[in-house]
């Protein structure tokens, strides 16, 4: 991630209205109605030459009828597939196969509603949304922050003077009223969480954590931890949500709630997030009583999953079944909007980065027919990023009808009055360290923390009620009255559309932690 800033800094999304109808397990019934769109010249399944000696993962989607699933399982074996796991409650089967025609053959089987390869490179080969590499806090800045925090508030955490983001949404004041309930857990679906960090250990829930990389949950103790320090993203996100107020380092938005880690990123340097891993994570979270999930990534290898492509359609179908299953069991999902600074209410978007696990090809997609997963799925809260001035971050995705809410994600052009004058977000890192990051990856966990405070205050609230409360309590700064030119180069970078209540930059507004506990 720090090694690949150019690939991860652009993450377009899609209009929410495009998937306004619940598609859940019934998604496949509507897929055939989707008109065609211009997509990449990607193969229906991996090329024969590559697949002859390589194994690819697939998702095969069926009805939840037991007899149908058993029949499809037999057909999978006959077509040369090996079943990794079958999520029968949602009708999703994860399969490995080296048969180059597996996708085509299995889609013709009675009872199969959709099926597709989850990547374009084989298993023998090698997405988050932070913008740029981390900046570790210096000893000098740490010392200044500790001194300023001690002077300002005896109850402040040692590095809290650097956390302008907490003050921006009233999280510092909220913690004195209600820091959140230990009965509420936010699962960080990400690159892994270092639960040994002193700011995370007090609030970590091992029983609700797992490694889902293979598509099958591994609950071996410690399996949820990042494989190395370069897989820092999930640990940073976890600290933003629930770093404890324990006199060590930083504080989270909801320092009294539990945080869990569900690893979905591949363990190599590319750290890609594939469909089978995401399906596993949503089902695992739901089955283990998680109230809220944070999703600061987009699902690889396609930045946009287009419904006229059989593989991409199957990926949307599988992940949507899983996240809808979790919603029905009481889990609210929040997701980052992306760092492309694209207007997602536009008519067409050029995608030059997909597929990102092999050789990308340029394609122009129709945003009403091609979807960012999981952030554009029904019921998922899409979060844009803001800086200390309550202005949209220069990199943040936006678009009227796309963004639900906004939250602090950091912005190097918006300078706070803190010891370091760093406009990014300070949070936890593996091996007990702290660093600044910016991105919609950082905005989503701030909103997830506020959602956790709301769940603590309203324990019986459903996911839809929590989403309504997030929007109702948000503070909307309205569209900027001056041309939006954050870098000051004289070029208008984005145009906000909408009114003071709902608009393309902030959706319903910036989340408010203090209102959440009142």
Protein backbone atom coordinates (compact mmCIF):
# COMPACT_ATOMS: atom_id res chain seq x y z
CA UNK A 1 0.00 0.00 0.00
CA UNK A 2 2.69 2.51 0.88
CA UNK A 3 4.57 1.01 -2.04
CA UNK A 4 1.68 1.48 -4.45
CA UNK A 5 0.23 4.95 -3.86
CA UNK A 6 -0.53 5.57 -7.53
CA UNK A 7 -2.79 2.53 -7.81
CA UNK A 8 -4.71 3.17 -4.64
CA UNK A 9 -5.21 6.92 -4.85
CA UNK A 10 -7.97 6.63 -7.45
CA UNK A 11 -11.09 4.77 -6.36
CA UNK A 12 -14.25 5.79 -8.19
CA UNK A 13 -17.65 4.67 -6.97
CA UNK A 14 -21.11 4.61 -8.45
CA UNK A 15 -24.47 6.26 -7.94
CA UNK A 16 -26.44 4.78 -5.08
CA UNK A 17 -29.61 5.10 -7.11
CA UNK A 18 -28.30 2.52 -9.56
CA UNK A 19 -28.82 -0.20 -6.98
CA UNK A 20 -31.73 1.31 -5.10
CA UNK A 21 -33.79 -1.87 -5.19
CA UNK A 22 -32.83 -4.65 -2.78
CA UNK A 23 -30.88 -7.12 -4.82
CA UNK A 24 -29.73 -9.52 -2.10
CA UNK A 25 -30.14 -13.14 -3.04
CA UNK A 26 -32.68 -12.08 -5.66
CA UNK A 27 -30.06 -10.03 -7.50
CA UNK A 28 -29.74 -12.55 -10.28
CA UNK A 29 -33.37 -12.12 -11.22
CA UNK A 30 -32.67 -8.53 -12.28
CA UNK A 31 -29.29 -9.04 -13.92
CA UNK A 32 -30.69 -10.23 -17.20
CA UNK A 33 -32.58 -6.93 -17.49
CA UNK A 34 -29.41 -4.85 -17.47
CA UNK A 35 -28.58 -3.40 -20.90
CA UNK A 36 -25.04 -3.77 -22.18
CA UNK A 37 -22.24 -1.33 -21.39
CA UNK A 38 -18.81 -0.77 -22.83
CA UNK A 39 -16.34 -2.84 -20.83
CA UNK A 40 -12.82 -4.13 -21.15
CA UNK A 41 -12.11 -6.94 -23.55
CA UNK A 42 -11.63 -9.29 -20.64
CA UNK A 43 -12.22 -13.00 -21.18
CA UNK A 44 -15.37 -14.68 -19.94
CA UNK A 45 -13.05 -16.89 -17.88
CA UNK A 46 -9.24 -17.01 -17.62
CA UNK A 47 -7.57 -17.68 -20.95
CA UNK A 48 -7.09 -21.30 -21.85
CA UNK A 49 -3.34 -20.93 -22.19
CA UNK A 50 -2.98 -19.52 -18.70
CA UNK A 51 -5.53 -21.73 -17.01
CA UNK A 52 -4.27 -25.03 -18.36
CA UNK A 53 -1.52 -25.05 -15.75
CA UNK A 54 -3.02 -22.63 -13.22
CA UNK A 55 -5.78 -22.68 -10.66
CA UNK A 56 -8.33 -19.87 -10.39
CA UNK A 57 -10.88 -19.18 -7.66
CA UNK A 58 -14.57 -18.80 -8.53
CA UNK A 59 -17.84 -17.95 -6.82
CA UNK A 60 -20.84 -20.01 -7.85
CA UNK A 61 -24.22 -18.59 -6.82
CA UNK A 62 -27.38 -20.66 -6.49
CA UNK A 63 -30.68 -20.65 -4.66
CA UNK A 64 -30.53 -21.57 -0.97
CA UNK A 65 -32.52 -24.74 -1.51
CA UNK A 66 -30.50 -27.67 -0.12
CA UNK A 67 -31.31 -30.04 -2.99
CA UNK A 68 -30.26 -27.46 -5.56
CA UNK A 69 -27.00 -26.77 -3.74
CA UNK A 70 -26.19 -30.49 -3.54
CA UNK A 71 -26.91 -30.88 -7.24
CA UNK A 72 -24.70 -27.93 -8.11
CA UNK A 73 -21.91 -29.29 -5.91
CA UNK A 74 -21.89 -32.49 -7.94
CA UNK A 75 -21.79 -30.48 -11.15
CA UNK A 76 -18.86 -28.45 -9.82
CA UNK A 77 -16.87 -31.60 -9.20
CA UNK A 78 -17.77 -32.97 -12.62
CA UNK A 79 -16.59 -29.72 -14.26
CA UNK A 80 -13.21 -29.98 -12.57
CA UNK A 81 -13.86 -27.76 -9.57
CA UNK A 82 -12.77 -28.23 -5.97
CA UNK A 83 -15.09 -26.75 -3.32
CA UNK A 84 -13.35 -24.57 -0.73
CA UNK A 85 -16.48 -23.76 1.25
CA UNK A 86 -20.21 -23.54 0.64
CA UNK A 87 -22.15 -20.73 2.31
CA UNK A 88 -25.47 -22.50 1.92
CA UNK A 89 -27.47 -19.90 3.85
CA UNK A 90 -26.80 -17.37 1.07
CA UNK A 91 -26.28 -19.78 -1.84
CA UNK A 92 -22.61 -18.92 -2.49
CA UNK A 93 -20.02 -21.63 -3.15
CA UNK A 94 -16.29 -20.82 -3.30
CA UNK A 95 -14.49 -23.04 -5.80
CA UNK A 96 -10.99 -23.57 -7.19
CA UNK A 97 -10.54 -24.93 -10.68
CA UNK A 98 -7.82 -25.28 -13.32
CA UNK A 99 -10.38 -26.03 -16.03
CA UNK A 100 -10.18 -23.06 -18.47
CA UNK A 101 -13.87 -23.55 -19.37
CA UNK A 102 -15.10 -23.98 -15.79
CA UNK A 103 -17.03 -20.71 -15.67
CA UNK A 104 -18.77 -21.28 -18.96
CA UNK A 105 -19.63 -24.89 -18.10
CA UNK A 106 -20.94 -24.21 -14.61
CA UNK A 107 -23.10 -21.29 -15.72
CA UNK A 108 -24.98 -23.71 -17.98
CA UNK A 109 -25.84 -25.98 -15.04
CA UNK A 110 -29.43 -26.01 -13.83
CA UNK A 111 -29.73 -24.16 -10.53
CA UNK A 112 -26.70 -21.92 -11.07
CA UNK A 113 -27.83 -18.30 -11.06
CA UNK A 114 -24.41 -16.73 -11.69
CA UNK A 115 -20.78 -17.79 -11.54
CA UNK A 116 -17.46 -16.19 -12.28
CA UNK A 117 -13.72 -16.07 -11.66
CA UNK A 118 -12.80 -13.73 -8.82
CA UNK A 119 -9.53 -12.66 -10.44
CA UNK A 120 -7.73 -12.60 -13.77
CA UNK A 121 -4.40 -13.94 -12.50
CA UNK A 122 -4.06 -17.46 -11.08
CA UNK A 123 -3.63 -18.34 -7.42
CA UNK A 124 0.07 -18.83 -8.05
CA UNK A 125 0.41 -15.05 -8.78
CA UNK A 126 0.50 -12.32 -6.35
CA UNK A 127 -7.61 -2.63 -2.32
CA UNK A 128 -7.52 0.00 0.36
CA UNK A 129 -8.29 3.72 0.09
CA UNK A 130 -5.61 5.77 1.79
CA UNK A 131 -4.02 8.52 -0.30
CA UNK A 132 -0.25 8.35 0.01
CA UNK A 133 2.29 6.75 2.31
CA UNK A 134 2.17 7.03 6.11
CA UNK A 135 4.12 9.71 7.97
CA UNK A 136 5.29 8.40 11.33
CA UNK A 137 5.09 10.91 14.15
CA UNK A 138 8.49 12.29 15.13
CA UNK A 139 9.80 12.26 18.69
CA UNK A 140 9.80 16.06 18.73
CA UNK A 141 6.18 16.33 17.59
CA UNK A 142 5.16 13.63 20.05
CA UNK A 143 6.79 15.56 22.88
CA UNK A 144 5.02 18.78 21.83
CA UNK A 145 1.69 16.98 21.61
CA UNK A 146 2.09 15.42 25.06
CA UNK A 147 2.92 18.80 26.60
CA UNK A 148 -0.01 20.53 24.90
CA UNK A 149 -2.45 17.75 25.76
CA UNK A 150 -1.42 17.88 29.42
CA UNK A 151 -1.92 21.67 29.53
CA UNK A 152 -5.28 21.54 27.75
CA UNK A 153 -7.04 18.68 29.52
CA UNK A 154 -5.88 16.42 32.31
CA UNK A 155 -7.97 13.59 30.83
CA UNK A 156 -6.55 13.92 27.31
CA UNK A 157 -4.48 11.14 25.76
CA UNK A 158 -0.76 11.91 25.34
CA UNK A 159 -1.00 12.47 21.56
CA UNK A 160 -4.55 13.83 21.48
CA UNK A 161 -3.39 17.38 20.77
CA UNK A 162 -2.63 16.12 17.23
CA UNK A 163 -6.14 14.69 16.82
CA UNK A 164 -7.99 17.63 15.31
CA UNK A 165 -10.36 15.07 13.83
CA UNK A 166 -11.82 14.13 17.22
CA UNK A 167 -12.54 17.75 18.04
CA UNK A 168 -14.01 18.37 14.59
CA UNK A 169 -16.88 15.94 15.25
CA UNK A 170 -17.14 16.42 19.04
CA UNK A 171 -15.72 12.98 19.84
CA UNK A 172 -13.54 14.36 22.64
CA UNK A 173 -16.61 15.77 24.41
CA UNK A 174 -18.72 12.72 23.61
CA UNK A 175 -16.24 10.44 25.39
CA UNK A 176 -16.92 12.25 28.67
CA UNK A 177 -20.64 11.52 28.34
CA UNK A 178 -20.57 8.02 26.84
CA UNK A 179 -17.42 6.45 25.36
CA UNK A 180 -19.43 3.60 23.92
CA UNK A 181 -20.60 0.21 25.12
CA UNK A 182 -18.53 -2.96 25.40
CA UNK A 183 -21.61 -4.70 24.00
CA UNK A 184 -21.01 -3.07 20.59
CA UNK A 185 -18.34 -4.41 18.22
CA UNK A 186 -17.02 -2.81 15.05
CA UNK A 187 -15.28 -5.30 12.75
CA UNK A 188 -12.46 -3.88 10.65
CA UNK A 189 -12.57 -5.80 7.35
CA UNK A 190 -9.10 -4.99 6.12
CA UNK A 191 -5.40 -5.95 6.03
CA UNK A 192 -5.35 -7.27 9.59
CA UNK A 193 -5.30 -5.66 13.02
CA UNK A 194 -2.35 -5.71 15.44
CA UNK A 195 -4.24 -6.40 18.65
CA UNK A 196 -1.00 -6.29 20.64
CA UNK A 197 -0.82 -2.52 20.21
CA UNK A 198 -1.27 -0.95 23.69
CA UNK A 199 -4.03 1.34 22.41
CA UNK A 200 -5.98 -1.56 20.84
CA UNK A 201 -5.42 -4.46 23.25
CA UNK A 202 -7.93 -3.22 25.89
CA UNK A 203 -10.81 -3.15 23.39
CA UNK A 204 -9.96 -6.00 21.05
CA UNK A 205 -12.42 -8.87 20.55
CA UNK A 206 -10.54 -12.02 19.55
CA UNK A 207 -13.70 -14.13 19.51
CA UNK A 208 -15.09 -11.98 16.68
CA UNK A 209 -11.89 -11.92 14.61
CA UNK A 210 -10.58 -14.17 11.85
CA UNK A 211 -8.50 -14.50 8.70
CA UNK A 212 -10.82 -14.76 5.67
CA UNK A 213 -8.20 -14.48 2.91
CA UNK A 214 -8.84 -17.99 1.52
CA UNK A 215 -12.61 -17.49 1.51
CA UNK A 216 -12.93 -19.80 4.53
CA UNK A 217 -12.57 -18.33 8.05
CA UNK A 218 -9.47 -19.22 10.04
CA UNK A 219 -9.99 -18.46 13.72
CA UNK A 220 -6.60 -19.69 14.91
CA UNK A 221 -5.45 -17.33 17.65
CA UNK A 222 -3.63 -14.38 16.10
CA UNK A 223 -4.69 -15.23 12.53
CA UNK A 224 -6.21 -11.74 12.21
CA UNK A 225 -2.88 -9.96 12.71
CA UNK A 226 -1.09 -8.29 9.77
CA UNK A 227 1.62 -10.44 8.21
CA UNK A 228 4.14 -7.58 8.42
CA UNK A 229 4.43 -3.87 9.18
CA UNK A 230 3.61 -2.98 5.56
CA UNK A 231 0.09 -4.31 6.13
CA UNK A 232 -0.56 -1.36 8.44
CA UNK A 233 -3.85 -0.15 7.03
CA UNK A 234 -6.26 -2.16 9.20
CA UNK A 235 -4.40 -1.28 12.41
CA UNK A 236 -4.61 2.44 11.60
CA UNK A 237 -8.34 2.13 10.89
CA UNK A 238 -8.96 0.20 14.12
CA UNK A 239 -7.31 2.92 16.19
CA UNK A 240 -9.46 5.61 14.62
CA UNK A 241 -12.54 3.68 15.70
CA UNK A 242 -11.72 2.43 19.18
CA UNK A 243 -8.24 3.27 20.49
CA UNK A 244 -8.71 3.15 24.25
CA UNK A 245 -8.54 6.16 26.55
CA UNK A 246 -5.92 4.52 28.72
CA UNK A 247 -3.24 7.17 29.01
CA UNK A 248 -1.32 5.76 26.05
CA UNK A 249 -0.97 7.43 22.64
CA UNK A 250 -4.21 8.37 20.87
CA UNK A 251 -7.95 7.99 21.37
CA UNK A 252 -10.59 6.56 19.07
CA UNK A 253 -13.96 8.07 18.21
CA UNK A 254 -15.66 5.38 20.32
CA UNK A 255 -12.99 4.41 22.89
CA UNK A 256 -15.35 2.23 24.91
CA UNK A 257 -16.58 -0.15 22.20
CA UNK A 258 -15.00 -3.39 21.03
CA UNK A 259 -13.07 -3.68 17.79
CA UNK A 260 -12.43 -6.89 15.82
CA UNK A 261 -10.19 -7.65 12.88
CA UNK A 262 -11.22 -9.71 9.86
CA UNK A 263 -8.35 -10.04 7.41
CA UNK A 264 -9.26 -10.08 3.71
CA UNK A 265 -6.15 -8.61 2.03
CA UNK A 266 -3.76 -10.98 0.29
CA UNK A 267 -0.53 -11.44 2.27
CA UNK A 268 1.78 -10.33 -0.57
CA UNK A 269 2.93 -6.78 -1.29
CA UNK A 270 -0.07 -6.01 -3.52
CA UNK A 271 -2.57 -6.58 -0.68
CA UNK A 272 -5.55 -7.15 -2.99
CA UNK A 273 -9.09 -7.78 -1.72
CA UNK A 274 -10.93 -10.53 -3.63
CA UNK A 275 -14.61 -11.50 -3.59
CA UNK A 276 -14.31 -14.84 -1.81
CA UNK A 277 -12.51 -13.11 1.09
CA UNK A 278 -15.11 -10.35 1.35
CA UNK A 279 -18.00 -12.84 1.26
CA UNK A 280 -16.34 -14.76 4.10
CA UNK A 281 -15.87 -11.57 6.13
CA UNK A 282 -19.48 -10.40 5.92
CA UNK A 283 -20.88 -13.83 6.79
CA UNK A 284 -18.41 -14.29 9.64
CA UNK A 285 -19.21 -10.86 11.07
CA UNK A 286 -22.94 -11.56 10.93
CA UNK A 287 -22.64 -15.00 12.51
CA UNK A 288 -20.46 -13.66 15.34
CA UNK A 289 -22.71 -10.85 16.49
CA UNK A 290 -20.85 -7.90 14.99
CA UNK A 291 -23.00 -4.75 15.01
CA UNK A 292 -20.98 -2.64 12.55
CA UNK A 293 -18.38 -3.31 9.86
CA UNK A 294 -15.92 -0.83 8.39
CA UNK A 295 -14.88 -1.32 4.77
CA UNK A 296 -12.05 1.00 3.71
CA UNK A 297 -11.30 -0.71 0.39
CA UNK A 298 -12.70 -1.59 -2.99
CA UNK A 299 -12.95 -5.18 -4.15
CA UNK A 300 -10.26 -6.22 -6.61
CA UNK A 301 -9.53 -6.77 -9.41
CA UNK A 302 -12.21 -4.53 -10.93
CA UNK A 303 -12.53 -0.90 -9.87
CA UNK A 304 -15.98 -1.10 -11.46
CA UNK A 305 -17.93 -4.36 -11.68
CA UNK A 306 -20.11 -4.27 -14.79
CA UNK A 307 -23.30 -6.27 -15.04
CA UNK A 308 -22.88 -7.28 -18.67
CA UNK A 309 -19.72 -9.24 -17.81
CA UNK A 310 -20.55 -12.70 -16.41
CA UNK A 311 -17.57 -12.81 -14.06
CA UNK A 312 -18.04 -9.32 -12.66
CA UNK A 313 -21.78 -9.84 -12.35
CA UNK A 314 -21.19 -12.97 -10.26
CA UNK A 315 -18.84 -11.10 -7.93
CA UNK A 316 -21.42 -8.38 -7.27
CA UNK A 317 -24.06 -11.06 -6.73
CA UNK A 318 -21.97 -13.05 -4.24
CA UNK A 319 -20.79 -10.11 -2.13
CA UNK A 320 -24.22 -8.53 -2.11
CA UNK A 321 -25.78 -11.74 -0.84
CA UNK A 322 -23.25 -11.79 1.99
CA UNK A 323 -23.66 -8.15 3.03
CA UNK A 324 -27.46 -8.33 2.82
CA UNK A 325 -27.38 -11.46 4.98
CA UNK A 326 -25.40 -9.49 7.56
CA UNK A 327 -27.79 -6.54 7.39
CA UNK A 328 -30.73 -8.84 8.03
CA UNK A 329 -28.92 -10.16 11.12
CA UNK A 330 -28.47 -6.60 12.41
CA UNK A 331 -25.11 -5.48 11.03
CA UNK A 332 -24.60 -1.98 9.60
CA UNK A 333 -21.88 -1.57 6.94
CA UNK A 334 -19.92 1.63 6.29
CA UNK A 335 -17.53 2.04 3.36
CA UNK A 336 -15.11 4.62 2.00
CA UNK A 337 -16.16 6.52 -1.12
CA UNK A 338 -12.72 6.61 -2.75
CA UNK A 339 -9.90 8.97 -3.59
CA UNK A 340 -10.39 9.71 -7.28
CA UNK A 341 -12.01 13.17 -6.93
CA UNK A 342 -14.48 12.01 -9.59
CA UNK A 343 -18.02 13.30 -9.84
CA UNK A 344 -19.86 10.02 -9.59
CA UNK A 345 -23.08 11.58 -10.77
CA UNK A 346 -21.54 11.92 -14.23
CA UNK A 347 -22.65 9.91 -17.24
CA UNK A 348 -19.38 8.08 -17.96
CA UNK A 349 -16.11 7.29 -16.22
CA UNK A 350 -12.84 6.13 -17.73
CA UNK A 351 -11.28 3.24 -15.83
CA UNK A 352 -7.61 2.73 -16.67
CA UNK A 353 -6.67 0.53 -13.70
CA UNK A 354 -8.67 -2.67 -14.15
CA UNK A 355 -8.00 -5.50 -13.81
CA UNK A 356 -5.36 -4.67 -11.22
CA UNK A 357 -4.16 -8.24 -10.70
CA UNK A 358 -2.90 -8.62 -14.28
CA UNK A 359 -2.67 -6.18 -17.22
CA UNK A 360 -5.08 -3.23 -16.98
CA UNK A 361 -6.99 -2.09 -20.07
CA UNK A 362 -8.73 1.24 -20.60
CA UNK A 363 -12.51 1.09 -20.66
CA UNK A 364 -15.29 3.65 -20.45
CA UNK A 365 -18.02 2.52 -18.12
CA UNK A 366 -21.58 3.62 -17.46
CA UNK A 367 -21.80 4.44 -13.71
CA UNK A 368 -25.44 3.39 -13.62
CA UNK A 369 -24.55 -0.16 -14.68
CA UNK A 370 -21.09 -0.75 -13.18
CA UNK A 371 -20.63 -0.80 -9.43
CA UNK A 372 -17.99 -0.18 -6.81
CA UNK A 373 -18.15 -3.08 -4.35
CA UNK A 374 -18.97 -2.99 -1.50
CA UNK A 375 -19.60 0.75 -1.12
CA UNK A 376 -22.31 1.00 -3.80
CA UNK A 377 -24.35 -1.98 -2.60
CA UNK A 378 -27.82 -1.40 -1.12
CA UNK A 379 -27.83 -0.32 2.51
CA UNK A 380 -24.09 0.31 2.69
CA UNK A 381 -23.25 3.80 4.01
CA UNK A 382 -20.91 5.62 1.59
CA UNK A 383 -18.57 8.10 3.29
CA UNK A 384 -16.65 11.01 1.75
CA UNK A 385 -13.68 12.72 3.42
CA UNK A 386 -13.19 16.18 4.91
CA UNK A 387 -10.28 18.18 6.33
CA UNK A 388 -9.96 20.44 9.37
CA UNK A 389 -11.83 23.28 7.60
CA UNK A 390 -14.91 21.04 7.16
CA UNK A 391 -14.24 21.21 3.43
CA UNK A 392 -14.21 18.16 1.16
CA UNK A 393 -10.73 16.68 1.02
CA UNK A 394 -8.99 17.39 -2.28
CA UNK A 395 -8.83 13.69 -3.22
CA UNK A 396 -12.26 12.60 -2.06
CA UNK A 397 -14.82 11.08 -4.37
CA UNK A 398 -18.10 12.99 -4.44
CA UNK A 399 -21.40 13.13 -6.31
CA UNK A 400 -24.98 14.06 -5.64
CA UNK A 401 -26.98 10.94 -4.90
CA UNK A 402 -23.81 8.93 -4.21
CA UNK A 403 -22.45 10.17 -0.90
CA UNK A 404 -24.47 9.42 2.24
CA UNK A 405 -22.38 11.23 4.85
CA UNK A 406 -18.93 12.75 5.33
CA UNK A 407 -16.29 12.44 8.07
CA UNK A 408 -12.72 13.56 8.76
CA UNK A 409 -10.28 11.80 6.43
CA UNK A 410 -7.49 14.36 6.45
CA UNK A 411 -6.18 16.82 3.88
CA UNK A 412 -2.61 18.06 3.56
CA UNK A 413 -3.87 21.39 2.16
CA UNK A 414 -6.10 22.08 5.18
CA UNK A 415 -3.68 22.90 8.00
CA UNK A 416 -4.82 22.46 11.62
CA UNK A 417 -3.65 24.38 14.67
CA UNK A 418 -1.84 21.37 16.15
CA UNK A 419 1.77 20.95 17.29
CA UNK A 420 2.81 19.32 14.00
CA UNK A 421 0.47 21.35 11.74
CA UNK A 422 -0.24 18.04 9.97
CA UNK A 423 -3.66 17.91 8.32
CA UNK A 424 -3.70 14.12 8.07
CA UNK A 425 -5.15 11.64 10.61
CA UNK A 426 -2.94 10.31 13.41
CA UNK A 427 -3.64 6.75 14.54
CA UNK A 428 -2.18 3.42 15.56
CA UNK A 429 0.29 1.36 13.52
CA UNK A 430 1.72 -2.16 13.95
CA UNK A 431 4.44 -2.72 16.54
CA UNK A 432 3.14 -0.06 18.90
CA UNK A 433 3.78 2.88 16.59
CA UNK A 434 1.72 5.87 15.38
CA UNK A 435 1.51 7.57 12.00
CA UNK A 436 -0.47 10.05 9.91
CA UNK A 437 -2.53 8.93 6.92
CA UNK A 438 -5.15 10.62 4.77
CA UNK A 439 -7.88 9.16 2.59
CA UNK A 440 -11.50 8.17 2.54
CA UNK A 441 -10.10 5.07 4.26
CA UNK A 442 -9.75 7.32 7.28
CA UNK A 443 -13.18 8.94 6.88
CA UNK A 444 -15.17 5.71 6.96
CA UNK A 445 -13.85 4.57 10.39
CA UNK A 446 -14.70 7.96 11.90
CA UNK A 447 -18.27 7.46 10.72
CA UNK A 448 -18.19 3.84 11.94
CA UNK A 449 -17.12 5.09 15.37
CA UNK A 450 -20.06 7.49 15.48
CA UNK A 451 -22.36 4.65 14.39
CA UNK A 452 -20.99 2.61 17.29
CA UNK A 453 -21.82 5.44 19.69
CA UNK A 454 -25.33 5.56 18.26
CA UNK A 455 -25.70 1.80 18.71
CA UNK A 456 -24.47 2.18 22.28
CA UNK A 457 -27.08 4.88 22.92
CA UNK A 458 -29.85 3.04 21.02
CA UNK A 459 -29.03 -0.67 21.50
CA UNK A 460 -32.20 -1.85 19.77
CA UNK A 461 -31.73 0.27 16.65
CA UNK A 462 -31.68 -1.62 13.35
CA UNK A 463 -29.07 -0.96 10.63
CA UNK A 464 -31.52 1.21 8.69
CA UNK A 465 -32.40 3.18 11.84
CA UNK A 466 -28.71 3.74 12.61
CA UNK A 467 -28.15 4.99 9.09
CA UNK A 468 -31.10 7.35 9.45
CA UNK A 469 -29.70 8.69 12.74
CA UNK A 470 -26.26 9.22 11.18
CA UNK A 471 -27.85 11.35 8.48
CA UNK A 472 -30.32 13.17 10.73
CA UNK A 473 -27.62 14.24 13.20
CA UNK A 474 -25.03 15.21 10.58
CA UNK A 475 -23.92 18.83 10.18
CA UNK A 476 -23.93 19.94 6.56
CA UNK A 477 -21.66 22.89 5.72
CA UNK A 478 -23.40 23.24 2.36
CA UNK A 479 -21.69 23.59 -0.99
CA UNK A 480 -18.71 26.00 -0.98
CA UNK A 481 -19.60 29.56 -1.94
CA UNK A 482 -16.19 30.04 -3.57
CA UNK A 483 -14.76 27.95 -6.45
CA UNK A 484 -13.32 24.69 -5.11
CA UNK A 485 -9.56 24.98 -5.63
CA UNK A 486 -7.88 23.25 -2.66
CA UNK A 487 -4.34 23.30 -4.04
CA UNK A 488 -4.61 26.97 -5.03
CA UNK A 489 -3.43 26.51 -8.61
CA UNK A 490 -6.27 28.52 -10.09
CA UNK A 491 -8.10 25.47 -11.47
CA UNK A 492 -11.53 24.47 -10.14
CA UNK A 493 -11.08 20.83 -9.18
CA UNK A 494 -14.67 19.86 -8.35
CA UNK A 495 -18.19 21.27 -8.46
CA UNK A 496 -20.62 20.65 -5.63
CA UNK A 497 -24.27 20.21 -6.55
CA UNK A 498 -27.22 20.29 -4.17
CA UNK A 499 -28.47 22.32 -1.26
CA UNK A 500 -27.65 22.90 2.39
CA UNK A 501 -29.45 19.73 3.49
CA UNK A 502 -28.10 17.23 0.95
CA UNK A 503 -25.37 17.75 -1.63
CA UNK A 504 -22.69 15.99 -3.63
CA UNK A 505 -19.72 16.84 -1.38
CA UNK A 506 -21.11 15.80 2.01
CA UNK A 507 -24.31 13.87 1.39
CA UNK A 508 -26.44 14.63 4.45
CA UNK A 509 -23.46 16.18 6.23
CA UNK A 510 -20.47 15.55 8.48
CA UNK A 511 -21.11 13.05 11.29
CA UNK A 512 -21.47 14.34 14.85
CA UNK A 513 -20.26 12.18 17.75
CA UNK A 514 -21.56 14.51 20.46
CA UNK A 515 -25.12 14.40 19.13
CA UNK A 516 -24.84 10.60 18.94
CA UNK A 517 -24.43 10.25 22.72
CA UNK A 518 -27.04 12.87 23.62
